[in-house]
Amino acid sequence: MSSTPGKALQNAPNRRRRRCPRYRCEFPVALSVFSGDQHLQLHAHCRDLSQGGIGVLVAADLAMGEVASLSFSLPGVQQPWDVRAVLRYRRGYHYGLEFLSLSDRQGKTLQGYLQDLERSDSEE
């Protein structure tokens, strides 16, 4: 073991802090996006969820900044959700989308729903 401090223990100065903690969650998501002159309807799978957005796996090549319509049902919540979101992050087929159109009621429902889930990010 080296006596020199490791870089892994230091906070990365250029790393952005998340506005909203992420939580592990798994459920199907229907994703609809206009890409160029095409209207794509894709099947995605939620991997994590937060007050501000959703992380999904989808086998497609989407561009940063694209706006998508998402349709999904939270497990245990009867009302299906239809929301708009913008693509903010991509690594491989994992995409991070920021919610654009949550109603006050959806925001409160989501806040209550997330309380019982396991965090999927670090507790920074």
C-alpha atoms as a PDB file:
ATOM      1  CA  MET A   1       0.000   0.000   0.000  1.00  0.00           C
ATOM      2  CA  SER A   2       1.381   3.372  -1.007  1.00  0.00           C
ATOM      3  CA  SER A   3       1.843   6.180   1.505  1.00  0.00           C
ATOM      4  CA  THR A   4       0.915   8.697  -1.195  1.00  0.00           C
ATOM      5  CA  PRO A   5      -2.733   9.807  -1.037  1.00  0.00           C
ATOM      6  CA  GLY A   6      -4.773   8.310  -3.845  1.00  0.00           C
ATOM      7  CA  LYS A   7      -6.690  10.422  -6.285  1.00  0.00           C
ATOM      8  CA  ALA A   8      -9.782   8.251  -5.810  1.00  0.00           C
ATOM      9  CA  LEU A   9     -10.171   9.647  -2.306  1.00  0.00           C
ATOM     10  CA  GLN A  10     -10.251  13.225  -3.517  1.00  0.00           C
ATOM     11  CA  ASN A  11     -13.337  14.892  -4.926  1.00  0.00           C
ATOM     12  CA  ALA A  12     -13.068  15.539  -8.641  1.00  0.00           C
ATOM     13  CA  PRO A  13     -13.104  19.343  -8.970  1.00  0.00           C
ATOM     14  CA  ASN A  14     -14.823  19.327 -12.379  1.00  0.00           C
ATOM     15  CA  ARG A  15     -17.536  16.821 -11.468  1.00  0.00           C
ATOM     16  CA  ARG A  16     -21.019  18.315 -11.323  1.00  0.00           C
ATOM     17  CA  ARG A  17     -23.106  17.573  -8.263  1.00  0.00           C
ATOM     18  CA  ARG A  18     -26.540  16.160  -8.888  1.00  0.00           C
ATOM     19  CA  ARG A  19     -29.504  18.355  -8.071  1.00  0.00           C
ATOM     20  CA  CYS A  20     -31.631  15.309  -7.219  1.00  0.00           C
ATOM     21  CA  PRO A  21     -30.545  11.961  -5.757  1.00  0.00           C
ATOM     22  CA  ARG A  22     -31.172   8.925  -7.951  1.00  0.00           C
ATOM     23  CA  TYR A  23     -32.992   5.788  -6.833  1.00  0.00           C
ATOM     24  CA  ARG A  24     -32.954   2.236  -8.215  1.00  0.00           C
ATOM     25  CA  CYS A  25     -36.141   1.455 -10.046  1.00  0.00           C
ATOM     26  CA  GLU A  26     -37.106  -0.969 -12.814  1.00  0.00           C
ATOM     27  CA  PHE A  27     -40.128  -0.736 -15.083  1.00  0.00           C
ATOM     28  CA  PRO A  28     -40.896  -0.471 -18.822  1.00  0.00           C
ATOM     29  CA  VAL A  29     -41.014   2.936 -20.514  1.00  0.00           C
ATOM     30  CA  ALA A  30     -42.440   3.834 -23.937  1.00  0.00           C
ATOM     31  CA  LEU A  31     -40.290   6.549 -25.494  1.00  0.00           C
ATOM     32  CA  SER A  32     -41.404   8.611 -28.472  1.00  0.00           C
ATOM     33  CA  VAL A  33     -39.068  11.055 -30.219  1.00  0.00           C
ATOM     34  CA  PHE A  34     -38.907  13.015 -33.444  1.00  0.00           C
ATOM     35  CA  SER A  35     -35.410  12.509 -34.841  1.00  0.00           C
ATOM     36  CA  GLY A  36     -34.799  14.457 -38.027  1.00  0.00           C
ATOM     37  CA  ASP A  37     -37.751  13.618 -40.252  1.00  0.00           C
ATOM     38  CA  GLN A  38     -38.545  10.363 -38.416  1.00  0.00           C
ATOM     39  CA  HIS A  39     -40.953   9.705 -35.557  1.00  0.00           C
ATOM     40  CA  LEU A  40     -39.450   6.928 -33.447  1.00  0.00           C
ATOM     41  CA  GLN A  41     -41.465   4.896 -30.967  1.00  0.00           C
ATOM     42  CA  LEU A  42     -39.096   2.910 -28.786  1.00  0.00           C
ATOM     43  CA  HIS A  43     -39.293   0.457 -25.912  1.00  0.00           C
ATOM     44  CA  ALA A  44     -37.036   1.448 -23.029  1.00  0.00           C
ATOM     45  CA  HIS A  45     -36.390   0.172 -19.515  1.00  0.00           C
ATOM     46  CA  CYS A  46     -36.045   2.407 -16.443  1.00  0.00           C
ATOM     47  CA  ARG A  47     -32.846   1.845 -14.445  1.00  0.00           C
ATOM     48  CA  ASP A  48     -33.039   4.774 -12.041  1.00  0.00           C
ATOM     49  CA  LEU A  49     -35.373   7.596 -11.158  1.00  0.00           C
ATOM     50  CA  SER A  50     -35.181  10.984  -9.422  1.00  0.00           C
ATOM     51  CA  GLN A  51     -37.322  14.057  -8.823  1.00  0.00           C
ATOM     52  CA  GLY A  52     -35.611  15.628 -11.812  1.00  0.00           C
ATOM     53  CA  GLY A  53     -35.488  12.830 -14.350  1.00  0.00           C
ATOM     54  CA  ILE A  54     -35.123   9.209 -15.349  1.00  0.00           C
ATOM     55  CA  GLY A  55     -32.312   6.922 -16.492  1.00  0.00           C
ATOM     56  CA  VAL A  56     -33.318   4.421 -19.171  1.00  0.00           C
ATOM     57  CA  LEU A  57     -31.779   1.711 -21.295  1.00  0.00           C
ATOM     58  CA  VAL A  58     -32.858   1.891 -24.914  1.00  0.00           C
ATOM     59  CA  ALA A  59     -31.349   0.267 -28.001  1.00  0.00           C
ATOM     60  CA  ALA A  60     -31.285   3.383 -30.189  1.00  0.00           C
ATOM     61  CA  ASP A  61     -28.969   6.171 -31.272  1.00  0.00           C
ATOM     62  CA  LEU A  62     -30.427   9.389 -29.855  1.00  0.00           C
ATOM     63  CA  ALA A  63     -28.843  12.836 -29.898  1.00  0.00           C
ATOM     64  CA  MET A  64     -28.189  15.017 -26.869  1.00  0.00           C
ATOM     65  CA  GLY A  65     -30.811  17.724 -26.484  1.00  0.00           C
ATOM     66  CA  GLU A  66     -33.593  15.769 -28.183  1.00  0.00           C
ATOM     67  CA  VAL A  67     -36.992  16.102 -26.520  1.00  0.00           C
ATOM     68  CA  ALA A  68     -38.934  12.886 -25.962  1.00  0.00           C
ATOM     69  CA  SER A  69     -42.392  11.927 -24.770  1.00  0.00           C
ATOM     70  CA  LEU A  70     -42.310   9.216 -22.107  1.00  0.00           C
ATOM     71  CA  SER A  71     -45.172   6.967 -21.062  1.00  0.00           C
ATOM     72  CA  PHE A  72     -44.843   4.701 -18.037  1.00  0.00           C
ATOM     73  CA  SER A  73     -46.518   3.485 -14.877  1.00  0.00           C
ATOM     74  CA  LEU A  74     -44.716   3.572 -11.567  1.00  0.00           C
ATOM     75  CA  PRO A  75     -44.940   0.169  -9.869  1.00  0.00           C
ATOM     76  CA  GLY A  76     -47.808   0.266  -7.376  1.00  0.00           C
ATOM     77  CA  VAL A  77     -49.195   3.574  -8.700  1.00  0.00           C
ATOM     78  CA  GLN A  78     -52.412   3.230 -10.702  1.00  0.00           C
ATOM     79  CA  GLN A  79     -52.280   6.395 -12.806  1.00  0.00           C
ATOM     80  CA  PRO A  80     -50.133   6.056 -15.983  1.00  0.00           C
ATOM     81  CA  TRP A  81     -47.733   8.926 -16.632  1.00  0.00           C
ATOM     82  CA  ASP A  82     -47.180  10.845 -19.853  1.00  0.00           C
ATOM     83  CA  VAL A  83     -44.329  13.344 -19.500  1.00  0.00           C
ATOM     84  CA  ARG A  84     -41.892  15.211 -21.722  1.00  0.00           C
ATOM     85  CA  ALA A  85     -38.168  15.050 -21.090  1.00  0.00           C
ATOM     86  CA  VAL A  86     -34.944  16.225 -22.716  1.00  0.00           C
ATOM     87  CA  LEU A  87     -31.924  13.988 -23.286  1.00  0.00           C
ATOM     88  CA  ARG A  88     -29.092  15.260 -21.065  1.00  0.00           C
ATOM     89  CA  TYR A  89     -26.694  12.288 -20.771  1.00  0.00           C
ATOM     90  CA  ARG A  90     -25.629   9.251 -22.736  1.00  0.00           C
ATOM     91  CA  ARG A  91     -23.204   6.410 -22.128  1.00  0.00           C
ATOM     92  CA  GLY A  92     -23.662   3.544 -24.549  1.00  0.00           C
ATOM     93  CA  TYR A  93     -27.337   2.663 -24.485  1.00  0.00           C
ATOM     94  CA  HIS A  94     -27.937   4.247 -21.071  1.00  0.00           C
ATOM     95  CA  TYR A  95     -29.636   7.628 -21.406  1.00  0.00           C
ATOM     96  CA  GLY A  96     -30.404  10.249 -18.784  1.00  0.00           C
ATOM     97  CA  LEU A  97     -33.477  12.371 -19.420  1.00  0.00           C
ATOM     98  CA  GLU A  98     -34.525  15.471 -17.493  1.00  0.00           C
ATOM     99  CA  PHE A  99     -38.252  15.869 -16.889  1.00  0.00           C
ATOM    100  CA  LEU A 100     -39.734  18.983 -18.490  1.00  0.00           C
ATOM    101  CA  SER A 101     -43.429  18.668 -17.762  1.00  0.00           C
ATOM    102  CA  LEU A 102     -44.160  17.182 -14.331  1.00  0.00           C
ATOM    103  CA  SER A 103     -47.336  18.547 -12.809  1.00  0.00           C
ATOM    104  CA  ASP A 104     -47.384  19.513  -9.119  1.00  0.00           C
ATOM    105  CA  ARG A 105     -49.403  16.379  -8.429  1.00  0.00           C
ATOM    106  CA  GLN A 106     -46.891  14.167 -10.285  1.00  0.00           C
ATOM    107  CA  GLY A 107     -44.017  15.812  -8.409  1.00  0.00           C
ATOM    108  CA  LYS A 108     -45.652  15.059  -5.040  1.00  0.00           C
ATOM    109  CA  THR A 109     -46.501  11.497  -6.070  1.00  0.00           C
ATOM    110  CA  LEU A 110     -42.936  10.949  -7.242  1.00  0.00           C
ATOM    111  CA  GLN A 111     -41.479  12.378  -4.036  1.00  0.00           C
ATOM    112  CA  GLY A 112     -43.561   9.962  -1.941  1.00  0.00           C
ATOM    113  CA  TYR A 113     -42.736   7.048  -4.231  1.00  0.00           C
ATOM    114  CA  LEU A 114     -38.974   7.629  -4.066  1.00  0.00           C
ATOM    115  CA  GLN A 115     -38.890   7.645  -0.249  1.00  0.00           C
ATOM    116  CA  ASP A 116     -39.147   3.849  -0.120  1.00  0.00           C
ATOM    117  CA  LEU A 117     -36.498   3.116  -2.769  1.00  0.00           C
ATOM    118  CA  GLU A 118     -32.776   2.377  -2.474  1.00  0.00           C
ATOM    119  CA  ARG A 119     -30.365   5.105  -3.572  1.00  0.00           C
ATOM    120  CA  SER A 120     -28.417   4.289  -6.724  1.00  0.00           C
ATOM    121  CA  ASP A 121     -25.906   7.147  -6.488  1.00  0.00           C
ATOM    122  CA  SER A 122     -23.392   8.075  -3.818  1.00  0.00           C
ATOM    123  CA  GLU A 123     -24.478  10.126  -0.848  1.00  0.00           C
ATOM    124  CA  GLU A 124     -22.419  13.192  -1.796  1.00  0.00           C
END
